[in-house]
């Protein structure tokens, strides 16, 4: 029976890189499996907590509540708490509305009510007005991000999808995060026949994610929609990055190269971070769409 209190000293910075994200994931997993039911997170040394991680952090806090584990944040610096609400989980009303923040959104309820347009509505209302003013460019960005959302819903086989984002460097860099807590990319690929074999990438989740991002690879019986390959090409062309964490695998792509890694910490879902160079995108020439489009 969980009856004790535990104090955890938090890191000096938590950014949206794979190591920091998995640090959070691992911490909450350990809390869930511990003997403690009252957890105090001490943020006395924390000077930065990436706001695009808002909904991921609060997802875990809310999940632990269902396990009768309470989380309390202490010694949070005012500028950090203003964005992240690390010491007060009681009210959404304290969330800031400043222009560089892409407000977090939980799509679960709307998808449960069969509103399949909820993400596009969110993009139109919250995301795009803070992104670029050119409607044609906005439309192109929307098509890529919307397909990532559709992939999360269909391939992840879940309505538990959340997102959030933040602009950095005086609005020159955008970080946007979509996470689903459903079926992982490596699991889907393990049940797909590759080179006449199921589970072809056994114990190599990162390579499975890389396979999913390459042109022509799909776990569907027929082609359709934009896929990881298409957004990957867009990312490379406009100096962006895409980072994917799914199960034990990690895949990252930028214009120069891609890299993969497998981790002991397991993420039970798929988390995608899209980083975009807003300055370059605003100067883009509207690209021609391909005749053949692929997805995982």
C-alpha atoms as a PDB file:
ATOM      1  CA  UNK A   1       0.000   0.000   0.000  1.00  0.00           C
ATOM      2  CA  UNK A   2       1.376   3.414  -0.995  1.00  0.00           C
ATOM      3  CA  UNK A   3       1.580   5.616   2.101  1.00  0.00           C
ATOM      4  CA  UNK A   4       4.888   7.496   2.006  1.00  0.00           C
ATOM      5  CA  UNK A   5       6.037  10.848   0.644  1.00  0.00           C
ATOM      6  CA  UNK A   6       8.986  11.172  -1.717  1.00  0.00           C
ATOM      7  CA  UNK A   7      10.870  14.321  -2.736  1.00  0.00           C
ATOM      8  CA  UNK A   8      12.473  14.327  -6.203  1.00  0.00           C
ATOM      9  CA  UNK A   9      14.949  17.016  -7.218  1.00  0.00           C
ATOM     10  CA  UNK A  10      14.249  18.051 -10.803  1.00  0.00           C
ATOM     11  CA  UNK A  11      16.925  18.786 -13.459  1.00  0.00           C
ATOM     12  CA  UNK A  12      18.173  22.304 -14.150  1.00  0.00           C
ATOM     13  CA  UNK A  13      16.676  22.190 -17.660  1.00  0.00           C
ATOM     14  CA  UNK A  14      14.174  20.028 -19.516  1.00  0.00           C
ATOM     15  CA  UNK A  15      14.157  20.555 -23.267  1.00  0.00           C
ATOM     16  CA  UNK A  16      12.323  18.661 -26.015  1.00  0.00           C
ATOM     17  CA  UNK A  17      15.282  16.468 -26.896  1.00  0.00           C
ATOM     18  CA  UNK A  18      15.079  12.691 -26.638  1.00  0.00           C
ATOM     19  CA  UNK A  19      17.177  12.409 -23.475  1.00  0.00           C
ATOM     20  CA  UNK A  20      15.139  14.959 -21.522  1.00  0.00           C
ATOM     21  CA  UNK A  21      11.827  13.525 -22.715  1.00  0.00           C
ATOM     22  CA  UNK A  22      12.832  10.006 -21.716  1.00  0.00           C
ATOM     23  CA  UNK A  23      14.061  11.361 -18.372  1.00  0.00           C
ATOM     24  CA  UNK A  24      10.510  12.555 -17.734  1.00  0.00           C
ATOM     25  CA  UNK A  25       8.983   9.308 -18.976  1.00  0.00           C
ATOM     26  CA  UNK A  26      11.313   7.215 -16.827  1.00  0.00           C
ATOM     27  CA  UNK A  27      10.682   9.360 -13.758  1.00  0.00           C
ATOM     28  CA  UNK A  28       6.919   8.971 -13.975  1.00  0.00           C
ATOM     29  CA  UNK A  29       7.213   5.234 -14.620  1.00  0.00           C
ATOM     30  CA  UNK A  30       9.336   4.868 -11.486  1.00  0.00           C
ATOM     31  CA  UNK A  31       6.835   6.930  -9.487  1.00  0.00           C
ATOM     32  CA  UNK A  32       3.982   4.706 -10.637  1.00  0.00           C
ATOM     33  CA  UNK A  33       5.854   1.556  -9.636  1.00  0.00           C
ATOM     34  CA  UNK A  34       7.126   2.898  -6.314  1.00  0.00           C
ATOM     35  CA  UNK A  35       5.670   2.602  -2.819  1.00  0.00           C
ATOM     36  CA  UNK A  36       4.961   6.327  -2.608  1.00  0.00           C
ATOM     37  CA  UNK A  37       1.568   7.968  -3.047  1.00  0.00           C
ATOM     38  CA  UNK A  38       2.617  11.566  -2.303  1.00  0.00           C
ATOM     39  CA  UNK A  39       5.299  12.914  -4.618  1.00  0.00           C
ATOM     40  CA  UNK A  40       6.974  16.298  -4.236  1.00  0.00           C
ATOM     41  CA  UNK A  41       8.889  17.570  -7.259  1.00  0.00           C
ATOM     42  CA  UNK A  42      11.454  20.152  -6.177  1.00  0.00           C
ATOM     43  CA  UNK A  43      12.171  22.633  -8.995  1.00  0.00           C
ATOM     44  CA  UNK A  44      14.633  24.804  -7.053  1.00  0.00           C
ATOM     45  CA  UNK A  45      17.352  24.255  -9.688  1.00  0.00           C
ATOM     46  CA  UNK A  46      15.075  24.241 -12.750  1.00  0.00           C
ATOM     47  CA  UNK A  47      15.562  27.339 -14.893  1.00  0.00           C
ATOM     48  CA  UNK A  48      14.047  26.076 -18.132  1.00  0.00           C
ATOM     49  CA  UNK A  49      11.190  23.723 -18.942  1.00  0.00           C
ATOM     50  CA  UNK A  50      10.280  23.658 -22.645  1.00  0.00           C
ATOM     51  CA  UNK A  51       6.658  24.730 -22.966  1.00  0.00           C
ATOM     52  CA  UNK A  52       6.015  22.374 -25.887  1.00  0.00           C
ATOM     53  CA  UNK A  53       6.288  19.618 -23.248  1.00  0.00           C
ATOM     54  CA  UNK A  54       3.372  21.082 -21.271  1.00  0.00           C
ATOM     55  CA  UNK A  55       0.749  18.560 -22.262  1.00  0.00           C
ATOM     56  CA  UNK A  56       3.133  15.588 -21.946  1.00  0.00           C
ATOM     57  CA  UNK A  57       4.051  16.553 -18.382  1.00  0.00           C
ATOM     58  CA  UNK A  58       0.449  17.134 -17.369  1.00  0.00           C
ATOM     59  CA  UNK A  59      -0.672  13.935 -19.060  1.00  0.00           C
ATOM     60  CA  UNK A  60       1.535  11.950 -16.693  1.00  0.00           C
ATOM     61  CA  UNK A  61       0.427  13.993 -13.670  1.00  0.00           C
ATOM     62  CA  UNK A  62      -3.243  13.372 -14.528  1.00  0.00           C
ATOM     63  CA  UNK A  63      -2.591   9.695 -15.203  1.00  0.00           C
ATOM     64  CA  UNK A  64      -0.971   9.217 -11.795  1.00  0.00           C
ATOM     65  CA  UNK A  65      -4.016  10.804 -10.166  1.00  0.00           C
ATOM     66  CA  UNK A  66      -6.052   7.880 -11.482  1.00  0.00           C
ATOM     67  CA  UNK A  67      -3.593   5.641  -9.594  1.00  0.00           C
ATOM     68  CA  UNK A  68      -4.217   7.678  -6.407  1.00  0.00           C
ATOM     69  CA  UNK A  69      -0.754   9.218  -6.566  1.00  0.00           C
ATOM     70  CA  UNK A  70      -0.589  12.961  -5.978  1.00  0.00           C
ATOM     71  CA  UNK A  71       2.086  15.221  -7.467  1.00  0.00           C
ATOM     72  CA  UNK A  72       3.066  18.566  -5.972  1.00  0.00           C
ATOM     73  CA  UNK A  73       5.618  21.000  -7.352  1.00  0.00           C
ATOM     74  CA  UNK A  74       7.616  23.274  -5.054  1.00  0.00           C
ATOM     75  CA  UNK A  75      10.223  26.022  -5.417  1.00  0.00           C
ATOM     76  CA  UNK A  76       9.211  26.740  -9.009  1.00  0.00           C
ATOM     77  CA  UNK A  77      10.644  29.923 -10.475  1.00  0.00           C
ATOM     78  CA  UNK A  78       7.907  32.357 -11.426  1.00  0.00           C
ATOM     79  CA  UNK A  79       8.723  32.594 -15.125  1.00  0.00           C
ATOM     80  CA  UNK A  80       8.753  28.787 -15.436  1.00  0.00           C
ATOM     81  CA  UNK A  81       5.545  28.285 -13.453  1.00  0.00           C
ATOM     82  CA  UNK A  82       3.719  30.945 -15.458  1.00  0.00           C
ATOM     83  CA  UNK A  83       3.904  28.757 -18.546  1.00  0.00           C
ATOM     84  CA  UNK A  84       4.063  25.231 -17.183  1.00  0.00           C
ATOM     85  CA  UNK A  85       1.860  25.311 -14.026  1.00  0.00           C
ATOM     86  CA  UNK A  86       4.292  23.063 -12.190  1.00  0.00           C
ATOM     87  CA  UNK A  87       3.014  24.075  -8.745  1.00  0.00           C
ATOM     88  CA  UNK A  88      -0.701  24.490  -9.462  1.00  0.00           C
ATOM     89  CA  UNK A  89      -2.711  21.902 -11.400  1.00  0.00           C
ATOM     90  CA  UNK A  90      -6.123  23.214 -10.414  1.00  0.00           C
ATOM     91  CA  UNK A  91      -7.162  25.579 -13.188  1.00  0.00           C
ATOM     92  CA  UNK A  92      -6.688  26.003 -16.925  1.00  0.00           C
ATOM     93  CA  UNK A  93      -7.484  29.709 -16.575  1.00  0.00           C
ATOM     94  CA  UNK A  94      -3.935  30.570 -15.536  1.00  0.00           C
ATOM     95  CA  UNK A  95      -2.501  29.475 -18.878  1.00  0.00           C
ATOM     96  CA  UNK A  96      -0.819  32.384 -20.656  1.00  0.00           C
ATOM     97  CA  UNK A  97      -2.048  33.528 -24.056  1.00  0.00           C
ATOM     98  CA  UNK A  98       1.086  35.175 -25.387  1.00  0.00           C
ATOM     99  CA  UNK A  99       1.777  35.005 -29.101  1.00  0.00           C
ATOM    100  CA  UNK A 100       4.786  32.663 -29.082  1.00  0.00           C
ATOM    101  CA  UNK A 101       2.919  29.831 -27.350  1.00  0.00           C
ATOM    102  CA  UNK A 102       0.934  27.310 -29.393  1.00  0.00           C
ATOM    103  CA  UNK A 103      -1.679  26.351 -26.835  1.00  0.00           C
ATOM    104  CA  UNK A 104      -1.839  22.687 -25.890  1.00  0.00           C
ATOM    105  CA  UNK A 105      -4.861  20.658 -26.939  1.00  0.00           C
ATOM    106  CA  UNK A 106      -6.316  17.284 -25.939  1.00  0.00           C
ATOM    107  CA  UNK A 107      -8.421  15.859 -28.776  1.00  0.00           C
ATOM    108  CA  UNK A 108      -9.747  12.808 -26.919  1.00  0.00           C
ATOM    109  CA  UNK A 109     -13.255  14.062 -26.155  1.00  0.00           C
ATOM    110  CA  UNK A 110     -13.843  15.533 -29.618  1.00  0.00           C
ATOM    111  CA  UNK A 111     -12.704  12.331 -31.316  1.00  0.00           C
ATOM    112  CA  UNK A 112     -14.899  10.311 -28.965  1.00  0.00           C
ATOM    113  CA  UNK A 113     -17.779  12.478 -30.220  1.00  0.00           C
ATOM    114  CA  UNK A 114     -16.768  11.705 -33.826  1.00  0.00           C
ATOM    115  CA  UNK A 115     -15.482  15.185 -34.645  1.00  0.00           C
ATOM    116  CA  UNK A 116     -12.826  14.065 -37.112  1.00  0.00           C
ATOM    117  CA  UNK A 117     -12.186  17.673 -38.160  1.00  0.00           C
ATOM    118  CA  UNK A 118     -11.096  18.750 -34.670  1.00  0.00           C
ATOM    119  CA  UNK A 119      -7.391  18.973 -35.527  1.00  0.00           C
ATOM    120  CA  UNK A 120      -8.001  21.038 -38.666  1.00  0.00           C
ATOM    121  CA  UNK A 121     -10.239  23.332 -36.619  1.00  0.00           C
ATOM    122  CA  UNK A 122      -7.476  23.667 -34.046  1.00  0.00           C
ATOM    123  CA  UNK A 123      -4.925  24.506 -36.742  1.00  0.00           C
ATOM    124  CA  UNK A 124      -7.178  27.172 -38.199  1.00  0.00           C
ATOM    125  CA  UNK A 125      -8.043  28.771 -34.866  1.00  0.00           C
ATOM    126  CA  UNK A 126      -4.922  28.400 -32.726  1.00  0.00           C
ATOM    127  CA  UNK A 127      -1.947  27.300 -34.769  1.00  0.00           C
ATOM    128  CA  UNK A 128      -1.959  29.025 -38.147  1.00  0.00           C
ATOM    129  CA  UNK A 129      -2.668  32.592 -36.979  1.00  0.00           C
ATOM    130  CA  UNK A 130       0.613  32.423 -35.055  1.00  0.00           C
ATOM    131  CA  UNK A 131       2.523  30.721 -37.840  1.00  0.00           C
ATOM    132  CA  UNK A 132       2.610  32.395 -41.253  1.00  0.00           C
ATOM    133  CA  UNK A 133       0.345  34.939 -42.892  1.00  0.00           C
ATOM    134  CA  UNK A 134       0.460  33.465 -46.401  1.00  0.00           C
ATOM    135  CA  UNK A 135      -2.685  31.333 -46.784  1.00  0.00           C
ATOM    136  CA  UNK A 136      -1.164  29.096 -49.474  1.00  0.00           C
ATOM    137  CA  UNK A 137       1.822  28.291 -47.283  1.00  0.00           C
ATOM    138  CA  UNK A 138      -0.471  27.733 -44.301  1.00  0.00           C
ATOM    139  CA  UNK A 139      -2.491  25.283 -46.361  1.00  0.00           C
ATOM    140  CA  UNK A 140       0.610  23.266 -47.235  1.00  0.00           C
ATOM    141  CA  UNK A 141       1.809  23.156 -43.623  1.00  0.00           C
ATOM    142  CA  UNK A 142      -1.686  22.121 -42.545  1.00  0.00           C
ATOM    143  CA  UNK A 143      -1.713  19.184 -44.959  1.00  0.00           C
ATOM    144  CA  UNK A 144       1.506  17.769 -43.509  1.00  0.00           C
ATOM    145  CA  UNK A 145       0.560  18.231 -39.873  1.00  0.00           C
ATOM    146  CA  UNK A 146      -2.989  16.988 -40.443  1.00  0.00           C
ATOM    147  CA  UNK A 147      -1.698  13.769 -41.947  1.00  0.00           C
ATOM    148  CA  UNK A 148       0.558  13.220 -38.949  1.00  0.00           C
ATOM    149  CA  UNK A 149      -2.555  13.598 -36.810  1.00  0.00           C
ATOM    150  CA  UNK A 150      -4.546  11.178 -38.987  1.00  0.00           C
ATOM    151  CA  UNK A 151      -1.687   8.685 -38.807  1.00  0.00           C
ATOM    152  CA  UNK A 152      -1.711   8.982 -35.014  1.00  0.00           C
ATOM    153  CA  UNK A 153      -5.445   8.316 -34.936  1.00  0.00           C
ATOM    154  CA  UNK A 154      -5.562   5.472 -37.460  1.00  0.00           C
ATOM    155  CA  UNK A 155      -2.221   3.710 -37.022  1.00  0.00           C
ATOM    156  CA  UNK A 156      -2.170   4.370 -33.295  1.00  0.00           C
ATOM    157  CA  UNK A 157      -5.778   3.158 -33.137  1.00  0.00           C
ATOM    158  CA  UNK A 158      -6.545   5.680 -30.416  1.00  0.00           C
ATOM    159  CA  UNK A 159      -8.394   8.890 -29.621  1.00  0.00           C
ATOM    160  CA  UNK A 160      -5.841   9.813 -26.937  1.00  0.00           C
ATOM    161  CA  UNK A 161      -3.945  12.394 -28.981  1.00  0.00           C
ATOM    162  CA  UNK A 162      -2.522  15.637 -27.664  1.00  0.00           C
ATOM    163  CA  UNK A 163      -0.359  18.428 -29.030  1.00  0.00           C
ATOM    164  CA  UNK A 164       1.335  21.690 -28.099  1.00  0.00           C
ATOM    165  CA  UNK A 165       4.024  23.972 -29.432  1.00  0.00           C
ATOM    166  CA  UNK A 166       6.261  26.980 -28.962  1.00  0.00           C
ATOM    167  CA  UNK A 167       8.071  29.533 -31.100  1.00  0.00           C
ATOM    168  CA  UNK A 168      11.679  30.355 -30.221  1.00  0.00           C
ATOM    169  CA  UNK A 169      14.464  32.717 -31.326  1.00  0.00           C
ATOM    170  CA  UNK A 170      12.124  35.696 -31.682  1.00  0.00           C
ATOM    171  CA  UNK A 171       9.699  33.685 -33.779  1.00  0.00           C
ATOM    172  CA  UNK A 172      12.276  32.167 -36.151  1.00  0.00           C
ATOM    173  CA  UNK A 173      11.987  28.570 -34.908  1.00  0.00           C
ATOM    174  CA  UNK A 174       8.851  26.546 -34.259  1.00  0.00           C
ATOM    175  CA  UNK A 175       8.695  23.348 -32.211  1.00  0.00           C
ATOM    176  CA  UNK A 176       5.408  21.460 -32.497  1.00  0.00           C
ATOM    177  CA  UNK A 177       4.658  18.210 -30.719  1.00  0.00           C
ATOM    178  CA  UNK A 178       1.992  15.577 -31.503  1.00  0.00           C
ATOM    179  CA  UNK A 179       1.735  12.583 -29.202  1.00  0.00           C
ATOM    180  CA  UNK A 180      -0.616   9.619 -29.194  1.00  0.00           C
ATOM    181  CA  UNK A 181      -0.861   6.986 -26.491  1.00  0.00           C
ATOM    182  CA  UNK A 182      -1.928   4.155 -28.762  1.00  0.00           C
ATOM    183  CA  UNK A 183      -0.312   1.394 -30.808  1.00  0.00           C
ATOM    184  CA  UNK A 184       3.348   2.157 -31.521  1.00  0.00           C
ATOM    185  CA  UNK A 185       5.038   2.369 -34.927  1.00  0.00           C
ATOM    186  CA  UNK A 186       7.376  -0.588 -34.163  1.00  0.00           C
ATOM    187  CA  UNK A 187       4.403  -2.743 -33.126  1.00  0.00           C
ATOM    188  CA  UNK A 188       2.574  -1.997 -36.379  1.00  0.00           C
ATOM    189  CA  UNK A 189       5.661  -2.810 -38.407  1.00  0.00           C
ATOM    190  CA  UNK A 190       6.353  -6.008 -36.452  1.00  0.00           C
ATOM    191  CA  UNK A 191       3.018  -7.338 -37.711  1.00  0.00           C
ATOM    192  CA  UNK A 192       3.777  -6.377 -41.298  1.00  0.00           C
ATOM    193  CA  UNK A 193       5.634  -8.728 -43.649  1.00  0.00           C
ATOM    194  CA  UNK A 194       8.984  -7.295 -44.783  1.00  0.00           C
ATOM    195  CA  UNK A 195      11.230  -9.428 -47.005  1.00  0.00           C
ATOM    196  CA  UNK A 196       8.882 -12.380 -46.438  1.00  0.00           C
ATOM    197  CA  UNK A 197       9.230 -12.122 -42.694  1.00  0.00           C
ATOM    198  CA  UNK A 198       7.151 -10.775 -39.816  1.00  0.00           C
ATOM    199  CA  UNK A 199       8.876  -8.932 -36.993  1.00  0.00           C
ATOM    200  CA  UNK A 200      11.740  -8.155 -39.368  1.00  0.00           C
ATOM    201  CA  UNK A 201      13.122  -5.413 -37.107  1.00  0.00           C
ATOM    202  CA  UNK A 202      12.952  -7.426 -33.902  1.00  0.00           C
ATOM    203  CA  UNK A 203      14.746  -5.625 -31.046  1.00  0.00           C
ATOM    204  CA  UNK A 204      15.486  -2.666 -33.315  1.00  0.00           C
ATOM    205  CA  UNK A 205      12.579  -0.269 -32.910  1.00  0.00           C
ATOM    206  CA  UNK A 206      14.624   2.671 -34.210  1.00  0.00           C
ATOM    207  CA  UNK A 207      15.296   0.938 -37.529  1.00  0.00           C
ATOM    208  CA  UNK A 208      11.589   0.140 -37.796  1.00  0.00           C
ATOM    209  CA  UNK A 209      10.751   3.836 -37.449  1.00  0.00           C
ATOM    210  CA  UNK A 210      13.354   4.682 -40.077  1.00  0.00           C
ATOM    211  CA  UNK A 211      11.759   2.108 -42.416  1.00  0.00           C
ATOM    212  CA  UNK A 212       8.392   3.804 -41.910  1.00  0.00           C
ATOM    213  CA  UNK A 213       9.817   7.151 -43.014  1.00  0.00           C
ATOM    214  CA  UNK A 214      11.176   5.949 -46.336  1.00  0.00           C
ATOM    215  CA  UNK A 215       9.416   6.398 -49.657  1.00  0.00           C
ATOM    216  CA  UNK A 216       7.363   3.430 -50.801  1.00  0.00           C
ATOM    217  CA  UNK A 217       7.132   1.746 -47.404  1.00  0.00           C
ATOM    218  CA  UNK A 218       3.636   1.261 -46.036  1.00  0.00           C
ATOM    219  CA  UNK A 219       1.810  -1.140 -43.771  1.00  0.00           C
ATOM    220  CA  UNK A 220      -1.411  -0.438 -45.617  1.00  0.00           C
ATOM    221  CA  UNK A 221      -2.765  -2.527 -48.460  1.00  0.00           C
ATOM    222  CA  UNK A 222      -3.052   0.517 -50.717  1.00  0.00           C
ATOM    223  CA  UNK A 223      -1.479   3.938 -50.975  1.00  0.00           C
ATOM    224  CA  UNK A 224      -3.120   7.136 -49.821  1.00  0.00           C
ATOM    225  CA  UNK A 225      -2.510  10.404 -48.035  1.00  0.00           C
ATOM    226  CA  UNK A 226       0.700  12.147 -47.064  1.00  0.00           C
ATOM    227  CA  UNK A 227       3.137  10.080 -45.039  1.00  0.00           C
ATOM    228  CA  UNK A 228       6.346  10.333 -43.075  1.00  0.00           C
ATOM    229  CA  UNK A 229       8.389  10.364 -46.274  1.00  0.00           C
ATOM    230  CA  UNK A 230       6.602  13.450 -47.575  1.00  0.00           C
ATOM    231  CA  UNK A 231       7.009  15.492 -44.424  1.00  0.00           C
ATOM    232  CA  UNK A 232      10.618  14.277 -44.205  1.00  0.00           C
ATOM    233  CA  UNK A 233      11.328  15.724 -47.671  1.00  0.00           C
ATOM    234  CA  UNK A 234       9.673  18.978 -46.632  1.00  0.00           C
ATOM    235  CA  UNK A 235      11.751  19.066 -43.437  1.00  0.00           C
ATOM    236  CA  UNK A 236      15.010  18.593 -45.340  1.00  0.00           C
ATOM    237  CA  UNK A 237      14.172  21.266 -47.893  1.00  0.00           C
ATOM    238  CA  UNK A 238      13.353  23.938 -45.338  1.00  0.00           C
ATOM    239  CA  UNK A 239      16.052  23.357 -42.690  1.00  0.00           C
ATOM    240  CA  UNK A 240      13.783  21.659 -40.184  1.00  0.00           C
ATOM    241  CA  UNK A 241      13.912  18.533 -38.059  1.00  0.00           C
ATOM    242  CA  UNK A 242      11.562  15.702 -37.293  1.00  0.00           C
ATOM    243  CA  UNK A 243      12.056  13.595 -34.178  1.00  0.00           C
ATOM    244  CA  UNK A 244      10.082  10.437 -33.455  1.00  0.00           C
ATOM    245  CA  UNK A 245       9.992   8.429 -30.229  1.00  0.00           C
ATOM    246  CA  UNK A 246       7.965   5.216 -30.322  1.00  0.00           C
ATOM    247  CA  UNK A 247       8.270   2.273 -27.960  1.00  0.00           C
ATOM    248  CA  UNK A 248      12.049   1.832 -27.478  1.00  0.00           C
ATOM    249  CA  UNK A 249      13.091   3.515 -30.726  1.00  0.00           C
ATOM    250  CA  UNK A 250      14.168   7.012 -31.674  1.00  0.00           C
ATOM    251  CA  UNK A 251      14.529   8.467 -35.166  1.00  0.00           C
ATOM    252  CA  UNK A 252      15.700  11.966 -36.073  1.00  0.00           C
ATOM    253  CA  UNK A 253      16.011  13.589 -39.480  1.00  0.00           C
ATOM    254  CA  UNK A 254      17.416  16.957 -40.537  1.00  0.00           C
ATOM    255  CA  UNK A 255      18.585  18.300 -43.891  1.00  0.00           C
ATOM    256  CA  UNK A 256      22.080  16.840 -43.463  1.00  0.00           C
ATOM    257  CA  UNK A 257      21.438  13.305 -42.163  1.00  0.00           C
ATOM    258  CA  UNK A 258      19.275  11.025 -40.091  1.00  0.00           C
ATOM    259  CA  UNK A 259      20.137   9.120 -36.951  1.00  0.00           C
ATOM    260  CA  UNK A 260      18.582   6.388 -34.861  1.00  0.00           C
ATOM    261  CA  UNK A 261      18.971   4.976 -31.389  1.00  0.00           C
ATOM    262  CA  UNK A 262      17.302   2.410 -29.166  1.00  0.00           C
ATOM    263  CA  UNK A 263      16.709   3.112 -25.481  1.00  0.00           C
ATOM    264  CA  UNK A 264      15.921   0.994 -22.458  1.00  0.00           C
ATOM    265  CA  UNK A 265      13.146   3.375 -21.443  1.00  0.00           C
ATOM    266  CA  UNK A 266       9.937   2.532 -23.293  1.00  0.00           C
ATOM    267  CA  UNK A 267       7.500   5.177 -24.487  1.00  0.00           C
ATOM    268  CA  UNK A 268       4.021   3.673 -24.668  1.00  0.00           C
ATOM    269  CA  UNK A 269       2.823   5.478 -27.757  1.00  0.00           C
ATOM    270  CA  UNK A 270       4.320   7.680 -30.453  1.00  0.00           C
ATOM    271  CA  UNK A 271       5.684  11.167 -29.931  1.00  0.00           C
ATOM    272  CA  UNK A 272       6.596  13.336 -32.918  1.00  0.00           C
ATOM    273  CA  UNK A 273       8.332  16.695 -32.710  1.00  0.00           C
ATOM    274  CA  UNK A 274       8.438  18.841 -35.817  1.00  0.00           C
ATOM    275  CA  UNK A 275      10.914  21.724 -35.838  1.00  0.00           C
ATOM    276  CA  UNK A 276      10.517  24.302 -38.594  1.00  0.00           C
ATOM    277  CA  UNK A 277      12.617  27.234 -39.771  1.00  0.00           C
ATOM    278  CA  UNK A 278       9.910  29.883 -40.043  1.00  0.00           C
ATOM    279  CA  UNK A 279      12.102  32.432 -41.806  1.00  0.00           C
ATOM    280  CA  UNK A 280      12.864  30.060 -44.661  1.00  0.00           C
ATOM    281  CA  UNK A 281       9.303  28.756 -44.907  1.00  0.00           C
ATOM    282  CA  UNK A 282       7.904  32.264 -45.220  1.00  0.00           C
ATOM    283  CA  UNK A 283      10.071  32.747 -48.321  1.00  0.00           C
ATOM    284  CA  UNK A 284       9.187  29.404 -49.872  1.00  0.00           C
ATOM    285  CA  UNK A 285       7.976  28.958 -53.428  1.00  0.00           C
ATOM    286  CA  UNK A 286       4.792  26.899 -53.374  1.00  0.00           C
ATOM    287  CA  UNK A 287       5.936  23.327 -54.169  1.00  0.00           C
ATOM    288  CA  UNK A 288       4.260  20.957 -56.579  1.00  0.00           C
ATOM    289  CA  UNK A 289       2.728  17.913 -54.938  1.00  0.00           C
ATOM    290  CA  UNK A 290       3.888  14.468 -55.985  1.00  0.00           C
ATOM    291  CA  UNK A 291       1.664  12.175 -58.004  1.00  0.00           C
ATOM    292  CA  UNK A 292       2.450   9.237 -55.765  1.00  0.00           C
ATOM    293  CA  UNK A 293       2.253   9.660 -52.052  1.00  0.00           C
ATOM    294  CA  UNK A 294       3.088   7.126 -49.397  1.00  0.00           C
ATOM    295  CA  UNK A 295       2.380   6.593 -45.727  1.00  0.00           C
ATOM    296  CA  UNK A 296       3.064   4.047 -43.027  1.00  0.00           C
END
